[in-house]
Amino acid sequence: MANEEEFINTTFLRLSMLQEWRDIGIWEKFLNVYPIRTIVEIGTWQGAFSIILLLQCVQRNIKFFTFDVRRAKGLDSPAAIRVGLRDHFLQGDIFVDERFKGILADESLHPMLVYCDGGDKPKEFKFVVPLLQQGDIVVAHDWDREFLPHNVEPVADMVEPIFVNECENIGSLTRFWERR
């Protein structure tokens, strides 16, 4: 992974995040078009973008979970406490954590969106896609930086890229696929 400091140029509520504002806006557009019941974020980091996703979920009556192997230091920020981010944070490794697999297997939580933005996006993407149901959405961040077109190839027959023009038109680092 590139040095995190190279990409940190955005904050939300005084918490650093690795998203850019144009990437935040694309989520609003996406969620206005694609109805989902659950968002599962992989990679909480400081929690700034998790707060944004949680607020989207609260507004839209969507369930929200965020996983990270480390405890997010932003969980203790006043905003995170106020919106209840701690209640949605699960510390664990998604590759072995049965809670993660249990969430993905819960029929009542679909259609679901899983956001791959942890420490190894290609590995997360390849792991998650076969666990999703038809119509679920998988999202990868850092397109053309840490997540490259060839990273989709191992599961390309299982997913269809969606919302491509919208992302490309604004130079977003976020990409969306629908599970076939």
N, C-alpha and C. Protein backbone atom coordinates (compact mmCIF):
# COMPACT_ATOMS: atom_id res chain seq x y z
N MET A 1 0.84 -1.18 0.00
CA MET A 1 0.00 0.00 0.00
C MET A 1 0.88 1.24 0.00
N ALA A 2 0.46 2.23 -0.70
CA ALA A 2 1.18 3.51 -0.68
C ALA A 2 1.09 4.11 0.71
N ASN A 3 1.98 4.98 1.00
CA ASN A 3 1.96 5.69 2.27
C ASN A 3 0.62 6.40 2.44
N GLU A 4 -0.08 6.15 3.55
CA GLU A 4 -1.38 6.76 3.79
C GLU A 4 -1.31 8.27 3.68
N GLU A 5 -0.22 8.87 4.12
CA GLU A 5 -0.10 10.32 4.12
C GLU A 5 -0.22 10.89 2.71
N GLU A 6 0.11 10.12 1.68
CA GLU A 6 0.02 10.60 0.30
C GLU A 6 -1.43 10.89 -0.08
N PHE A 7 -2.38 10.16 0.49
CA PHE A 7 -3.77 10.27 0.09
C PHE A 7 -4.62 11.09 1.05
N ILE A 8 -4.13 11.37 2.22
CA ILE A 8 -4.94 12.09 3.21
C ILE A 8 -4.95 13.56 2.85
N ASN A 9 -6.03 13.97 2.25
CA ASN A 9 -6.19 15.38 1.95
C ASN A 9 -7.61 15.82 2.26
N THR A 10 -8.38 14.96 2.89
CA THR A 10 -9.76 15.24 3.20
C THR A 10 -10.03 14.91 4.66
N THR A 11 -10.81 15.75 5.30
CA THR A 11 -11.27 15.44 6.64
C THR A 11 -12.79 15.61 6.67
N PHE A 12 -13.40 14.96 7.62
CA PHE A 12 -14.82 15.13 7.90
C PHE A 12 -14.94 15.16 9.40
N LEU A 13 -15.49 16.22 9.93
CA LEU A 13 -15.64 16.39 11.37
C LEU A 13 -14.29 16.25 12.09
N ARG A 14 -13.25 16.76 11.47
CA ARG A 14 -11.88 16.78 11.99
C ARG A 14 -11.22 15.41 12.04
N LEU A 15 -11.82 14.42 11.40
CA LEU A 15 -11.22 13.09 11.30
C LEU A 15 -10.70 12.93 9.87
N SER A 16 -9.47 12.47 9.73
CA SER A 16 -8.90 12.25 8.40
C SER A 16 -9.60 11.07 7.73
N MET A 17 -9.72 11.19 6.42
CA MET A 17 -10.27 10.06 5.66
C MET A 17 -9.55 9.99 4.32
N LEU A 18 -9.61 8.83 3.72
CA LEU A 18 -8.91 8.58 2.47
C LEU A 18 -9.82 8.74 1.26
N GLN A 19 -11.04 9.18 1.47
CA GLN A 19 -11.94 9.48 0.37
C GLN A 19 -11.77 10.95 -0.01
N GLU A 20 -12.12 11.24 -1.25
CA GLU A 20 -12.16 12.62 -1.70
C GLU A 20 -13.63 13.04 -1.77
N TRP A 21 -13.90 14.33 -1.75
CA TRP A 21 -15.28 14.80 -1.71
C TRP A 21 -16.09 14.28 -2.89
N ARG A 22 -15.47 14.17 -4.06
CA ARG A 22 -16.22 13.68 -5.23
C ARG A 22 -16.66 12.23 -5.00
N ASP A 23 -15.87 11.47 -4.24
CA ASP A 23 -16.26 10.09 -3.94
C ASP A 23 -17.44 10.05 -2.97
N ILE A 24 -17.50 11.00 -2.08
CA ILE A 24 -18.63 11.06 -1.15
C ILE A 24 -19.91 11.37 -1.91
N GLY A 25 -19.82 12.29 -2.84
CA GLY A 25 -20.99 12.65 -3.63
C GLY A 25 -21.52 11.52 -4.48
N ILE A 26 -20.64 10.67 -4.98
CA ILE A 26 -21.09 9.56 -5.83
C ILE A 26 -21.93 8.57 -5.03
N TRP A 27 -21.64 8.45 -3.73
CA TRP A 27 -22.45 7.58 -2.87
C TRP A 27 -23.89 8.10 -2.78
N GLU A 28 -24.04 9.41 -2.62
CA GLU A 28 -25.39 9.99 -2.55
C GLU A 28 -26.15 9.65 -3.83
N LYS A 29 -25.52 9.87 -4.97
CA LYS A 29 -26.17 9.57 -6.25
C LYS A 29 -26.51 8.09 -6.36
N PHE A 30 -25.57 7.23 -5.98
CA PHE A 30 -25.80 5.80 -6.08
C PHE A 30 -26.98 5.37 -5.20
N LEU A 31 -26.96 5.80 -3.96
CA LEU A 31 -28.02 5.38 -3.03
C LEU A 31 -29.38 5.95 -3.40
N ASN A 32 -29.41 7.03 -4.15
CA ASN A 32 -30.68 7.56 -4.64
C ASN A 32 -31.28 6.69 -5.74
N VAL A 33 -30.45 5.87 -6.37
CA VAL A 33 -30.90 5.05 -7.51
C VAL A 33 -31.07 3.58 -7.14
N TYR A 34 -30.19 3.05 -6.31
CA TYR A 34 -30.18 1.62 -6.01
C TYR A 34 -30.69 1.37 -4.59
N PRO A 35 -31.88 0.78 -4.46
CA PRO A 35 -32.39 0.49 -3.12
C PRO A 35 -31.68 -0.73 -2.51
N ILE A 36 -31.12 -0.55 -1.34
CA ILE A 36 -30.48 -1.65 -0.63
C ILE A 36 -30.97 -1.65 0.82
N ARG A 37 -30.79 -2.77 1.50
CA ARG A 37 -31.21 -2.89 2.90
C ARG A 37 -30.06 -2.75 3.88
N THR A 38 -28.84 -3.03 3.40
CA THR A 38 -27.70 -3.09 4.31
C THR A 38 -26.44 -2.61 3.61
N ILE A 39 -25.61 -1.87 4.34
CA ILE A 39 -24.26 -1.55 3.89
C ILE A 39 -23.30 -2.18 4.89
N VAL A 40 -22.31 -2.91 4.35
CA VAL A 40 -21.25 -3.49 5.15
C VAL A 40 -19.94 -2.87 4.65
N GLU A 41 -19.29 -2.13 5.52
CA GLU A 41 -18.02 -1.49 5.17
C GLU A 41 -16.87 -2.32 5.71
N ILE A 42 -15.90 -2.59 4.86
CA ILE A 42 -14.66 -3.26 5.28
C ILE A 42 -13.58 -2.19 5.31
N GLY A 43 -13.08 -1.90 6.50
CA GLY A 43 -12.05 -0.88 6.65
C GLY A 43 -12.59 0.40 7.23
N THR A 44 -12.69 0.48 8.53
CA THR A 44 -13.23 1.65 9.22
C THR A 44 -12.21 2.78 9.30
N TRP A 45 -10.95 2.43 9.44
CA TRP A 45 -9.82 3.33 9.66
C TRP A 45 -10.14 4.28 10.81
N GLN A 46 -10.21 5.61 10.58
CA GLN A 46 -10.50 6.53 11.68
C GLN A 46 -12.00 6.68 11.93
N GLY A 47 -12.81 6.27 10.99
CA GLY A 47 -14.26 6.30 11.18
C GLY A 47 -14.97 7.47 10.53
N ALA A 48 -14.26 8.38 9.88
CA ALA A 48 -14.91 9.54 9.27
C ALA A 48 -15.89 9.12 8.18
N PHE A 49 -15.43 8.29 7.24
CA PHE A 49 -16.34 7.87 6.18
C PHE A 49 -17.42 6.94 6.73
N SER A 50 -17.10 6.20 7.77
CA SER A 50 -18.10 5.35 8.42
C SER A 50 -19.25 6.19 8.96
N ILE A 51 -18.93 7.36 9.51
CA ILE A 51 -19.98 8.26 10.00
C ILE A 51 -20.85 8.72 8.83
N ILE A 52 -20.23 9.06 7.72
CA ILE A 52 -20.99 9.47 6.54
C ILE A 52 -21.92 8.35 6.07
N LEU A 53 -21.38 7.13 5.98
CA LEU A 53 -22.22 6.00 5.56
C LEU A 53 -23.33 5.74 6.57
N LEU A 54 -23.00 5.81 7.86
CA LEU A 54 -24.02 5.58 8.88
C LEU A 54 -25.12 6.63 8.78
N LEU A 55 -24.78 7.88 8.57
CA LEU A 55 -25.80 8.92 8.41
C LEU A 55 -26.68 8.65 7.19
N GLN A 56 -26.08 8.20 6.10
CA GLN A 56 -26.87 7.82 4.93
C GLN A 56 -27.84 6.69 5.29
N CYS A 57 -27.35 5.73 6.04
CA CYS A 57 -28.18 4.59 6.43
C CYS A 57 -29.31 5.00 7.36
N VAL A 58 -29.02 5.85 8.33
CA VAL A 58 -30.06 6.33 9.24
C VAL A 58 -31.15 7.05 8.45
N GLN A 59 -30.75 7.93 7.54
CA GLN A 59 -31.71 8.70 6.75
C GLN A 59 -32.57 7.81 5.87
N ARG A 60 -32.01 6.70 5.42
CA ARG A 60 -32.70 5.84 4.45
C ARG A 60 -33.24 4.54 5.07
N ASN A 61 -33.11 4.39 6.39
CA ASN A 61 -33.56 3.19 7.09
C ASN A 61 -32.85 1.93 6.55
N ILE A 62 -31.52 2.05 6.41
CA ILE A 62 -30.67 0.95 5.96
C ILE A 62 -29.83 0.49 7.14
N LYS A 63 -29.63 -0.80 7.27
CA LYS A 63 -28.75 -1.32 8.32
C LYS A 63 -27.29 -1.06 7.93
N PHE A 64 -26.42 -0.88 8.94
CA PHE A 64 -25.02 -0.56 8.68
C PHE A 64 -24.11 -1.32 9.63
N PHE A 65 -23.04 -1.89 9.06
CA PHE A 65 -21.98 -2.55 9.83
C PHE A 65 -20.64 -2.07 9.26
N THR A 66 -19.66 -1.90 10.12
CA THR A 66 -18.32 -1.59 9.66
C THR A 66 -17.32 -2.48 10.39
N PHE A 67 -16.43 -3.10 9.64
CA PHE A 67 -15.44 -4.04 10.17
C PHE A 67 -14.04 -3.48 10.00
N ASP A 68 -13.21 -3.71 11.00
CA ASP A 68 -11.78 -3.42 10.85
C ASP A 68 -11.02 -4.31 11.83
N VAL A 69 -9.78 -4.61 11.47
CA VAL A 69 -8.94 -5.43 12.36
C VAL A 69 -8.46 -4.62 13.54
N ARG A 70 -8.44 -3.29 13.41
CA ARG A 70 -8.04 -2.41 14.51
C ARG A 70 -9.24 -1.61 14.97
N ARG A 71 -9.21 -1.23 16.23
CA ARG A 71 -10.26 -0.36 16.74
C ARG A 71 -10.07 1.03 16.15
N ALA A 72 -11.10 1.57 15.57
CA ALA A 72 -11.03 2.90 14.95
C ALA A 72 -10.92 3.96 16.04
N LYS A 73 -9.88 4.79 15.96
CA LYS A 73 -9.71 5.80 17.01
C LYS A 73 -10.81 6.86 16.96
N GLY A 74 -11.45 7.01 15.82
CA GLY A 74 -12.54 7.96 15.72
C GLY A 74 -13.81 7.53 16.42
N LEU A 75 -13.86 6.29 16.91
CA LEU A 75 -15.05 5.82 17.62
C LEU A 75 -15.32 6.63 18.88
N ASP A 76 -14.29 7.29 19.38
CA ASP A 76 -14.44 8.08 20.61
C ASP A 76 -14.66 9.56 20.33
N SER A 77 -14.80 9.93 19.06
CA SER A 77 -15.06 11.33 18.74
C SER A 77 -16.50 11.68 19.13
N PRO A 78 -16.75 12.94 19.44
CA PRO A 78 -18.11 13.34 19.82
C PRO A 78 -19.17 12.97 18.77
N ALA A 79 -18.84 13.17 17.49
CA ALA A 79 -19.82 12.85 16.44
C ALA A 79 -20.10 11.36 16.38
N ALA A 80 -19.05 10.54 16.46
CA ALA A 80 -19.24 9.09 16.42
C ALA A 80 -20.08 8.62 17.60
N ILE A 81 -19.83 9.19 18.75
CA ILE A 81 -20.61 8.83 19.93
C ILE A 81 -22.07 9.25 19.74
N ARG A 82 -22.28 10.44 19.26
CA ARG A 82 -23.64 10.97 19.08
C ARG A 82 -24.45 10.13 18.10
N VAL A 83 -23.83 9.68 16.99
CA VAL A 83 -24.59 8.89 15.99
C VAL A 83 -24.57 7.39 16.29
N GLY A 84 -23.83 6.98 17.32
CA GLY A 84 -23.82 5.58 17.72
C GLY A 84 -22.95 4.67 16.86
N LEU A 85 -21.85 5.21 16.32
CA LEU A 85 -20.99 4.40 15.45
C LEU A 85 -20.47 3.16 16.17
N ARG A 86 -20.22 3.25 17.45
CA ARG A 86 -19.72 2.09 18.21
C ARG A 86 -20.66 0.89 18.09
N ASP A 87 -21.95 1.17 18.02
CA ASP A 87 -22.94 0.09 17.93
C ASP A 87 -22.89 -0.64 16.58
N HIS A 88 -22.23 -0.04 15.61
CA HIS A 88 -22.17 -0.61 14.27
C HIS A 88 -20.77 -1.12 13.92
N PHE A 89 -19.82 -0.90 14.81
CA PHE A 89 -18.43 -1.29 14.58
C PHE A 89 -18.16 -2.69 15.10
N LEU A 90 -17.53 -3.51 14.27
CA LEU A 90 -17.13 -4.85 14.66
C LEU A 90 -15.64 -4.98 14.40
N GLN A 91 -14.89 -5.27 15.45
CA GLN A 91 -13.46 -5.45 15.28
C GLN A 91 -13.19 -6.92 15.01
N GLY A 92 -12.54 -7.18 13.88
CA GLY A 92 -12.22 -8.55 13.52
C GLY A 92 -11.71 -8.63 12.10
N ASP A 93 -11.21 -9.78 11.76
CA ASP A 93 -10.67 -10.07 10.44
C ASP A 93 -11.78 -10.73 9.62
N ILE A 94 -12.24 -10.08 8.57
CA ILE A 94 -13.38 -10.60 7.80
C ILE A 94 -13.13 -11.98 7.22
N PHE A 95 -11.87 -12.33 7.02
CA PHE A 95 -11.54 -13.61 6.39
C PHE A 95 -11.75 -14.80 7.33
N VAL A 96 -11.83 -14.55 8.63
CA VAL A 96 -12.04 -15.63 9.59
C VAL A 96 -13.17 -15.35 10.58
N ASP A 97 -13.70 -14.15 10.56
CA ASP A 97 -14.72 -13.74 11.53
C ASP A 97 -16.08 -14.28 11.12
N GLU A 98 -16.63 -15.13 11.93
CA GLU A 98 -17.93 -15.74 11.63
C GLU A 98 -19.06 -14.71 11.66
N ARG A 99 -18.89 -13.61 12.40
CA ARG A 99 -19.92 -12.57 12.40
C ARG A 99 -20.07 -11.98 11.01
N PHE A 100 -18.95 -11.77 10.32
CA PHE A 100 -18.99 -11.22 8.97
C PHE A 100 -19.74 -12.17 8.04
N LYS A 101 -19.38 -13.43 8.06
CA LYS A 101 -20.06 -14.41 7.21
C LYS A 101 -21.54 -14.53 7.58
N GLY A 102 -21.85 -14.40 8.86
CA GLY A 102 -23.23 -14.46 9.32
C GLY A 102 -24.07 -13.31 8.79
N ILE A 103 -23.49 -12.12 8.77
CA ILE A 103 -24.20 -10.96 8.22
C ILE A 103 -24.48 -11.18 6.75
N LEU A 104 -23.49 -11.64 6.00
CA LEU A 104 -23.68 -11.86 4.57
C LEU A 104 -24.69 -12.97 4.29
N ALA A 105 -24.81 -13.93 5.21
CA ALA A 105 -25.74 -15.05 5.02
C ALA A 105 -27.17 -14.73 5.46
N ASP A 106 -27.37 -13.64 6.19
CA ASP A 106 -28.69 -13.28 6.73
C ASP A 106 -29.60 -12.79 5.59
N GLU A 107 -30.59 -13.60 5.25
CA GLU A 107 -31.50 -13.29 4.13
C GLU A 107 -32.21 -11.95 4.30
N SER A 108 -32.49 -11.56 5.54
CA SER A 108 -33.25 -10.34 5.78
C SER A 108 -32.44 -9.08 5.47
N LEU A 109 -31.14 -9.21 5.27
CA LEU A 109 -30.28 -8.05 5.05
C LEU A 109 -30.01 -7.75 3.57
N HIS A 110 -30.63 -8.53 2.69
CA HIS A 110 -30.40 -8.34 1.25
C HIS A 110 -31.58 -7.63 0.62
N PRO A 111 -31.35 -6.86 -0.45
CA PRO A 111 -30.08 -6.65 -1.14
C PRO A 111 -29.12 -5.84 -0.27
N MET A 112 -27.86 -6.17 -0.41
CA MET A 112 -26.80 -5.66 0.45
C MET A 112 -25.71 -5.04 -0.42
N LEU A 113 -25.00 -4.09 0.16
CA LEU A 113 -23.83 -3.51 -0.48
C LEU A 113 -22.64 -3.74 0.44
N VAL A 114 -21.56 -4.30 -0.11
CA VAL A 114 -20.33 -4.51 0.65
C VAL A 114 -19.26 -3.62 0.04
N TYR A 115 -18.66 -2.81 0.88
CA TYR A 115 -17.67 -1.82 0.46
C TYR A 115 -16.28 -2.28 0.86
N CYS A 116 -15.45 -2.61 -0.12
CA CYS A 116 -14.09 -3.09 0.12
C CYS A 116 -13.13 -1.91 0.18
N ASP A 117 -12.73 -1.56 1.40
CA ASP A 117 -11.82 -0.43 1.59
C ASP A 117 -10.90 -0.69 2.77
N GLY A 118 -10.53 -1.95 2.96
CA GLY A 118 -9.63 -2.31 4.05
C GLY A 118 -8.19 -2.37 3.57
N GLY A 119 -7.42 -3.20 4.21
CA GLY A 119 -5.99 -3.25 3.94
C GLY A 119 -5.58 -3.99 2.68
N ASP A 120 -6.47 -4.82 2.13
CA ASP A 120 -6.15 -5.56 0.91
C ASP A 120 -7.41 -5.67 0.06
N LYS A 121 -7.72 -4.60 -0.64
CA LYS A 121 -8.96 -4.53 -1.42
C LYS A 121 -9.11 -5.66 -2.43
N PRO A 122 -8.06 -6.01 -3.20
CA PRO A 122 -8.21 -7.13 -4.14
C PRO A 122 -8.59 -8.44 -3.45
N LYS A 123 -7.96 -8.73 -2.33
CA LYS A 123 -8.27 -9.96 -1.59
C LYS A 123 -9.69 -9.90 -1.03
N GLU A 124 -10.09 -8.75 -0.50
CA GLU A 124 -11.43 -8.57 0.03
C GLU A 124 -12.48 -8.80 -1.06
N PHE A 125 -12.27 -8.17 -2.20
CA PHE A 125 -13.19 -8.27 -3.33
C PHE A 125 -13.36 -9.73 -3.76
N LYS A 126 -12.25 -10.40 -3.96
CA LYS A 126 -12.26 -11.81 -4.40
C LYS A 126 -12.94 -12.70 -3.36
N PHE A 127 -12.77 -12.40 -2.08
CA PHE A 127 -13.37 -13.17 -1.00
C PHE A 127 -14.88 -12.92 -0.91
N VAL A 128 -15.27 -11.67 -1.03
CA VAL A 128 -16.67 -11.27 -0.80
C VAL A 128 -17.60 -11.67 -1.93
N VAL A 129 -17.19 -11.47 -3.16
CA VAL A 129 -18.11 -11.65 -4.30
C VAL A 129 -18.82 -13.01 -4.27
N PRO A 130 -18.12 -14.15 -4.07
CA PRO A 130 -18.85 -15.43 -4.06
C PRO A 130 -19.83 -15.57 -2.90
N LEU A 131 -19.69 -14.77 -1.85
CA LEU A 131 -20.58 -14.84 -0.70
C LEU A 131 -21.84 -14.01 -0.88
N LEU A 132 -21.88 -13.17 -1.90
CA LEU A 132 -23.02 -12.30 -2.13
C LEU A 132 -24.12 -13.00 -2.91
N GLN A 133 -25.32 -12.45 -2.81
CA GLN A 133 -26.46 -12.98 -3.55
C GLN A 133 -26.67 -12.16 -4.82
N GLN A 134 -27.38 -12.75 -5.75
CA GLN A 134 -27.71 -12.03 -6.98
C GLN A 134 -28.41 -10.72 -6.62
N GLY A 135 -27.97 -9.64 -7.25
CA GLY A 135 -28.55 -8.32 -7.00
C GLY A 135 -27.83 -7.53 -5.93
N ASP A 136 -26.96 -8.16 -5.16
CA ASP A 136 -26.15 -7.44 -4.18
C ASP A 136 -25.11 -6.60 -4.91
N ILE A 137 -24.56 -5.64 -4.22
CA ILE A 137 -23.58 -4.72 -4.80
C ILE A 137 -22.27 -4.87 -4.04
N VAL A 138 -21.17 -4.87 -4.80
CA VAL A 138 -19.84 -4.84 -4.20
C VAL A 138 -19.14 -3.59 -4.74
N VAL A 139 -18.46 -2.89 -3.85
CA VAL A 139 -17.83 -1.62 -4.19
C VAL A 139 -16.36 -1.70 -3.79
N ALA A 140 -15.51 -1.14 -4.62
CA ALA A 140 -14.08 -1.06 -4.29
C ALA A 140 -13.63 0.39 -4.36
N HIS A 141 -12.80 0.75 -3.42
CA HIS A 141 -12.23 2.10 -3.38
C HIS A 141 -10.79 2.07 -3.88
N ASP A 142 -10.27 3.22 -4.22
CA ASP A 142 -8.90 3.39 -4.73
C ASP A 142 -8.72 2.75 -6.10
N TRP A 143 -9.75 2.91 -6.95
CA TRP A 143 -9.69 2.43 -8.32
C TRP A 143 -8.49 3.03 -9.03
N ASP A 144 -7.75 2.18 -9.68
CA ASP A 144 -6.54 2.54 -10.42
C ASP A 144 -5.40 3.01 -9.52
N ARG A 145 -5.52 2.79 -8.23
CA ARG A 145 -4.42 3.04 -7.29
C ARG A 145 -4.05 1.73 -6.60
N GLU A 146 -4.95 1.27 -5.72
CA GLU A 146 -4.73 0.02 -5.00
C GLU A 146 -5.62 -1.10 -5.53
N PHE A 147 -6.65 -0.75 -6.26
CA PHE A 147 -7.55 -1.74 -6.85
C PHE A 147 -7.58 -1.48 -8.35
N LEU A 148 -7.05 -2.44 -9.11
CA LEU A 148 -6.85 -2.28 -10.54
C LEU A 148 -7.82 -3.15 -11.34
N PRO A 149 -8.05 -2.83 -12.60
CA PRO A 149 -8.99 -3.63 -13.41
C PRO A 149 -8.71 -5.13 -13.37
N HIS A 150 -7.45 -5.54 -13.35
CA HIS A 150 -7.16 -6.98 -13.35
C HIS A 150 -7.56 -7.65 -12.03
N ASN A 151 -7.79 -6.86 -10.97
CA ASN A 151 -8.23 -7.44 -9.70
C ASN A 151 -9.65 -7.98 -9.76
N VAL A 152 -10.41 -7.56 -10.75
CA VAL A 152 -11.79 -8.05 -10.91
C VAL A 152 -11.79 -9.42 -11.61
N GLU A 153 -10.78 -9.70 -12.40
CA GLU A 153 -10.75 -10.89 -13.25
C GLU A 153 -11.06 -12.21 -12.54
N PRO A 154 -10.56 -12.47 -11.32
CA PRO A 154 -10.86 -13.78 -10.70
C PRO A 154 -12.35 -14.05 -10.48
N VAL A 155 -13.15 -12.99 -10.40
CA VAL A 155 -14.60 -13.17 -10.17
C VAL A 155 -15.43 -12.43 -11.23
N ALA A 156 -14.81 -12.07 -12.34
CA ALA A 156 -15.48 -11.26 -13.37
C ALA A 156 -16.76 -11.89 -13.89
N ASP A 157 -16.83 -13.21 -13.93
CA ASP A 157 -18.04 -13.86 -14.42
C ASP A 157 -19.19 -13.77 -13.43
N MET A 158 -18.93 -13.32 -12.21
CA MET A 158 -19.96 -13.22 -11.17
C MET A 158 -20.50 -11.81 -10.99
N VAL A 159 -19.85 -10.81 -11.59
CA VAL A 159 -20.25 -9.42 -11.37
C VAL A 159 -20.36 -8.66 -12.68
N GLU A 160 -21.18 -7.63 -12.63
CA GLU A 160 -21.38 -6.73 -13.76
C GLU A 160 -21.08 -5.31 -13.27
N PRO A 161 -20.19 -4.59 -13.95
CA PRO A 161 -19.93 -3.21 -13.52
C PRO A 161 -21.17 -2.35 -13.73
N ILE A 162 -21.45 -1.50 -12.77
CA ILE A 162 -22.59 -0.59 -12.85
C ILE A 162 -22.12 0.80 -12.43
N PHE A 163 -22.87 1.80 -12.80
CA PHE A 163 -22.61 3.19 -12.40
C PHE A 163 -21.25 3.67 -12.89
N VAL A 164 -20.77 3.07 -13.97
CA VAL A 164 -19.43 3.34 -14.48
C VAL A 164 -19.30 4.78 -14.99
N ASN A 165 -20.22 5.20 -15.86
CA ASN A 165 -20.12 6.55 -16.42
C ASN A 165 -20.18 7.61 -15.34
N GLU A 166 -21.04 7.42 -14.36
CA GLU A 166 -21.16 8.40 -13.28
C GLU A 166 -19.84 8.53 -12.52
N CYS A 167 -19.19 7.41 -12.27
CA CYS A 167 -17.90 7.44 -11.57
C CYS A 167 -16.80 8.05 -12.44
N GLU A 168 -16.75 7.64 -13.68
CA GLU A 168 -15.70 8.14 -14.58
C GLU A 168 -15.86 9.62 -14.87
N ASN A 169 -17.09 10.09 -14.99
CA ASN A 169 -17.33 11.50 -15.32
C ASN A 169 -16.78 12.46 -14.27
N ILE A 170 -16.70 12.00 -13.04
CA ILE A 170 -16.18 12.89 -11.98
C ILE A 170 -14.78 12.48 -11.52
N GLY A 171 -14.22 11.45 -12.13
CA GLY A 171 -12.90 10.99 -11.72
C GLY A 171 -12.90 10.33 -10.36
N SER A 172 -13.97 9.64 -10.03
CA SER A 172 -14.11 8.99 -8.73
C SER A 172 -13.12 7.84 -8.58
N LEU A 173 -12.67 7.62 -7.36
CA LEU A 173 -11.82 6.49 -7.01
C LEU A 173 -12.66 5.29 -6.57
N THR A 174 -13.97 5.40 -6.69
CA THR A 174 -14.89 4.36 -6.26
C THR A 174 -15.51 3.70 -7.49
N ARG A 175 -15.67 2.36 -7.44
CA ARG A 175 -16.31 1.62 -8.51
C ARG A 175 -17.31 0.63 -7.92
N PHE A 176 -18.39 0.39 -8.65
CA PHE A 176 -19.51 -0.45 -8.22
C PHE A 176 -19.72 -1.62 -9.18
N TRP A 177 -20.08 -2.78 -8.63
CA TRP A 177 -20.44 -3.96 -9.42
C TRP A 177 -21.68 -4.58 -8.81
N GLU A 178 -22.52 -5.17 -9.66
CA GLU A 178 -23.69 -5.91 -9.19
C GLU A 178 -23.41 -7.39 -9.33
N ARG A 179 -23.77 -8.16 -8.30
CA ARG A 179 -23.59 -9.61 -8.32
C ARG A 179 -24.64 -10.21 -9.24
N ARG A 180 -24.19 -11.03 -10.18
CA ARG A 180 -25.08 -11.72 -11.12
C ARG A 180 -25.75 -12.90 -10.46
